[in-house]
Amino acid sequence: MNKKQIFIQSAFTENAIWAQILGICSALAVTNQMKNSLVMGLGVIFTLALSMFTISAIRSLIPPRVRMMAQTFIIAFYVILVDLFLKAVLPEVSQQLGPYVGLIITNCIIMGRAEAFAIKNTPLDSMIDGIGAGVGYTLVLLLISLIREIFGFGAIFGYQVMGTWWTPWSIMVMAPSAFFLLAMLIWLVEIRKRKKR
């Protein structure tokens, strides 16, 4: 596979959320506003890209019996960098995301890509795969948060787009709305796949 195919497969064909149902906890928790979703998505892209690169680069040095621990340590290092950056540069967003940034360490998408791809491929290909998986994850988060923010707050990225006539739907701000939107997205993707077959 060439680099473009790796990216497309990771971001769309094997999208962790709609194809593998991974990483949905944060998809349900941080998608009430687009700003939060974008920051979370960028943090996951950064962590995935550099973790996959690092894991692939040192894969021959890691003894098989401690492989999972070593991968977790590498992922944790990059997550700590993201967390420190957010606290220093975007303290308000960091506070809104709360513990979910730290939970990137245990995100199934990252561990899954490490085991499925980085452990078997070159560092550059692994980095591209990580970026693709992160972009796919971020696009799903942004789509869900777009719908939730418009209907829940009448805004996009915090800017009011609905007039004073709009009555916000309080249900869209709550986590159950994210669950139903995510379920509908997965359902639509499955329908499209079946039609293609």
Protein backbone atom coordinates (compact mmCIF):
# COMPACT_ATOMS: atom_id res chain seq x y z
CA MET A 1 0.00 0.00 0.00
CA ASN A 2 1.19 3.51 -0.75
CA LYS A 3 1.00 6.38 1.74
CA LYS A 4 -2.30 7.75 0.39
CA GLN A 5 -3.97 4.33 0.60
CA ILE A 6 -2.74 3.88 4.18
CA PHE A 7 -4.25 7.26 5.14
CA ILE A 8 -7.60 6.63 3.39
CA GLN A 9 -7.92 3.12 4.83
CA SER A 10 -7.13 4.30 8.35
CA ALA A 11 -9.31 7.43 8.24
CA PHE A 12 -12.33 6.15 6.34
CA THR A 13 -12.42 2.46 5.37
CA GLU A 14 -11.39 1.24 8.83
CA ASN A 15 -12.55 4.30 10.76
CA ALA A 16 -12.19 3.34 14.41
CA ILE A 17 -15.57 4.74 15.45
CA TRP A 18 -17.97 3.76 12.68
CA ALA A 19 -16.24 0.60 11.46
CA GLN A 20 -14.77 -0.81 14.67
CA ILE A 21 -16.87 0.92 17.37
CA LEU A 22 -13.75 1.99 19.28
CA GLY A 23 -13.09 5.20 21.22
CA ILE A 24 -16.76 6.00 21.66
CA CYS A 25 -16.49 7.07 25.32
CA SER A 26 -14.84 10.37 24.41
CA ALA A 27 -17.10 10.66 21.36
CA LEU A 28 -20.05 10.69 23.75
CA ALA A 29 -18.44 12.86 26.42
CA VAL A 30 -16.78 15.81 24.65
CA THR A 31 -19.04 16.41 21.65
CA ASN A 32 -21.40 18.99 23.15
CA GLN A 33 -19.34 21.81 21.59
CA MET A 34 -17.26 21.88 18.41
CA LYS A 35 -14.34 23.65 20.08
CA ASN A 36 -13.96 20.84 22.61
CA SER A 37 -14.25 18.21 19.87
CA LEU A 38 -11.63 19.90 17.71
CA VAL A 39 -9.15 20.23 20.57
CA MET A 40 -9.72 16.62 21.63
CA GLY A 41 -9.36 15.46 18.02
CA LEU A 42 -6.10 17.37 17.53
CA GLY A 43 -4.77 15.90 20.78
CA VAL A 44 -5.60 12.39 19.57
CA ILE A 45 -4.03 13.06 16.13
CA PHE A 46 -0.82 14.31 17.80
CA THR A 47 -0.73 11.36 20.20
CA LEU A 48 -1.53 8.77 17.53
CA ALA A 49 0.97 10.09 14.99
CA LEU A 50 3.94 10.36 17.35
CA SER A 51 3.11 7.25 19.38
CA MET A 52 2.82 5.10 16.26
CA PHE A 53 6.07 6.54 14.88
CA THR A 54 7.92 5.90 18.15
CA ILE A 55 6.48 2.41 18.70
CA SER A 56 7.36 1.39 15.14
CA ALA A 57 10.86 2.88 15.38
CA ILE A 58 11.78 0.91 18.52
CA ARG A 59 9.62 -2.21 17.96
CA SER A 60 12.66 -4.47 17.53
CA LEU A 61 14.08 -3.28 20.87
CA ILE A 62 10.94 -4.03 22.90
CA PRO A 63 10.85 -7.53 24.41
CA PRO A 64 7.51 -9.25 23.60
CA ARG A 65 6.65 -9.83 27.28
CA VAL A 66 6.65 -6.07 28.07
CA ARG A 67 5.35 -4.81 24.71
CA MET A 68 1.97 -3.58 26.01
CA MET A 69 3.57 -1.82 28.98
CA ALA A 70 6.13 -0.12 26.72
CA GLN A 71 3.40 1.00 24.31
CA THR A 72 1.32 2.41 27.17
CA PHE A 73 4.36 4.28 28.50
CA ILE A 74 5.06 5.82 25.06
CA ILE A 75 1.41 6.81 24.58
CA ALA A 76 1.27 8.28 28.11
CA PHE A 77 4.33 10.43 27.39
CA TYR A 78 2.64 12.10 24.40
CA VAL A 79 -0.68 12.46 26.23
CA ILE A 80 1.11 14.25 29.09
CA LEU A 81 2.60 16.66 26.52
CA VAL A 82 -0.90 17.35 25.14
CA ASP A 83 -2.31 17.84 28.65
CA LEU A 84 0.49 20.24 29.68
CA PHE A 85 0.10 22.20 26.43
CA LEU A 86 -3.66 22.59 26.96
CA LYS A 87 -3.21 23.66 30.58
CA ALA A 88 -0.64 26.27 29.55
CA VAL A 89 -2.23 27.59 26.33
CA LEU A 90 -5.96 26.78 26.57
CA PRO A 91 -6.75 26.48 30.30
CA GLU A 92 -10.48 27.03 29.76
CA VAL A 93 -10.74 24.19 27.24
CA SER A 94 -8.50 22.01 29.41
CA GLN A 95 -10.90 22.50 32.31
CA GLN A 96 -13.95 21.69 30.14
CA LEU A 97 -12.34 18.50 28.79
CA GLY A 98 -11.37 17.55 32.33
CA PRO A 99 -10.19 13.96 32.73
CA TYR A 100 -10.96 13.01 29.12
CA VAL A 101 -7.56 14.24 27.88
CA GLY A 102 -5.80 11.92 30.33
CA LEU A 103 -8.04 9.08 29.19
CA ILE A 104 -6.50 9.29 25.71
CA ILE A 105 -3.85 6.96 27.20
CA THR A 106 -6.41 4.16 27.44
CA ASN A 107 -8.19 4.99 24.17
CA CYS A 108 -8.79 1.72 22.31
CA ILE A 109 -8.03 3.41 18.98
CA ILE A 110 -4.43 4.14 19.97
CA MET A 111 -3.72 0.72 21.45
CA GLY A 112 -5.49 -0.92 18.52
CA ARG A 113 -3.44 0.92 15.89
CA ALA A 114 -0.24 0.17 17.81
CA GLU A 115 -0.99 -3.56 17.80
CA ALA A 116 -2.52 -3.78 14.33
CA PHE A 117 -0.16 -1.52 12.39
CA ALA A 118 2.80 0.12 14.15
CA ILE A 119 4.25 -3.11 15.48
CA LYS A 120 4.51 -4.52 11.92
CA ASN A 121 5.27 -1.52 9.66
CA THR A 122 7.85 1.22 9.10
CA PRO A 123 7.85 4.37 11.27
CA LEU A 124 6.70 6.68 8.46
CA ASP A 125 3.87 4.38 7.37
CA SER A 126 2.86 3.98 11.03
CA MET A 127 2.82 7.75 11.50
CA ILE A 128 0.60 8.17 8.41
CA ASP A 129 -1.70 5.44 9.71
CA GLY A 130 -1.86 7.24 13.06
CA ILE A 131 -2.67 10.57 11.42
CA GLY A 132 -5.37 8.88 9.33
CA ALA A 133 -6.95 7.20 12.36
CA GLY A 134 -6.84 10.51 14.25
CA VAL A 135 -8.38 12.46 11.36
CA GLY A 136 -11.18 9.89 11.03
CA TYR A 137 -11.84 10.09 14.76
CA THR A 138 -11.82 13.91 14.69
CA LEU A 139 -14.24 14.09 11.75
CA VAL A 140 -16.76 11.90 13.60
CA LEU A 141 -16.42 14.05 16.74
CA LEU A 142 -16.89 17.27 14.74
CA LEU A 143 -19.95 15.92 12.91
CA ILE A 144 -21.67 14.88 16.13
CA SER A 145 -20.73 18.11 17.92
CA LEU A 146 -21.93 20.24 14.97
CA ILE A 147 -25.42 18.80 15.29
CA ARG A 148 -25.40 18.95 19.10
CA GLU A 149 -24.10 22.52 19.27
CA ILE A 150 -26.53 23.87 16.67
CA PHE A 151 -29.58 22.30 18.28
CA GLY A 152 -28.39 22.55 21.89
CA PHE A 153 -26.91 26.06 21.88
CA GLY A 154 -27.94 27.56 18.52
CA ALA A 155 -24.24 28.10 17.81
CA ILE A 156 -21.23 26.83 15.85
CA PHE A 157 -17.82 27.12 17.55
CA GLY A 158 -19.51 29.33 20.14
CA TYR A 159 -20.84 31.85 17.59
CA GLN A 160 -24.61 32.20 17.57
CA VAL A 161 -26.08 31.15 14.22
CA MET A 162 -29.70 30.80 15.27
CA GLY A 163 -31.66 33.93 16.05
CA THR A 164 -33.53 34.78 19.22
CA TRP A 165 -36.47 32.81 17.82
CA TRP A 166 -34.57 29.56 18.40
CA THR A 167 -35.36 27.58 21.53
CA PRO A 168 -32.35 25.39 22.38
CA TRP A 169 -33.05 21.69 22.81
CA SER A 170 -31.66 20.85 26.24
CA ILE A 171 -31.56 17.13 25.36
CA MET A 172 -28.86 17.88 22.74
CA VAL A 173 -26.49 19.11 25.45
CA MET A 174 -26.81 15.84 27.38
CA ALA A 175 -24.78 12.68 26.66
CA PRO A 176 -27.77 10.56 25.47
CA SER A 177 -28.07 12.75 22.36
CA ALA A 178 -24.48 11.90 21.42
CA PHE A 179 -25.26 8.22 21.88
CA PHE A 180 -28.24 8.39 19.52
CA LEU A 181 -26.41 10.53 16.94
CA LEU A 182 -23.46 8.15 16.96
CA ALA A 183 -25.80 5.17 16.58
CA MET A 184 -27.51 6.88 13.62
CA LEU A 185 -24.14 7.63 12.00
CA ILE A 186 -23.02 3.99 12.34
CA TRP A 187 -26.38 2.86 10.95
CA LEU A 188 -26.09 5.17 7.91
CA VAL A 189 -22.52 4.00 7.22
CA GLU A 190 -23.66 0.35 7.40
CA ILE A 191 -26.55 1.04 4.99
CA ARG A 192 -24.10 2.66 2.54
CA LYS A 193 -21.70 -0.30 2.81
CA ARG A 194 -24.48 -2.80 2.11
CA LYS A 195 -25.67 -0.84 -0.91
CA LYS A 196 -22.10 -0.86 -2.30
CA ARG A 197 -21.90 -4.64 -1.86
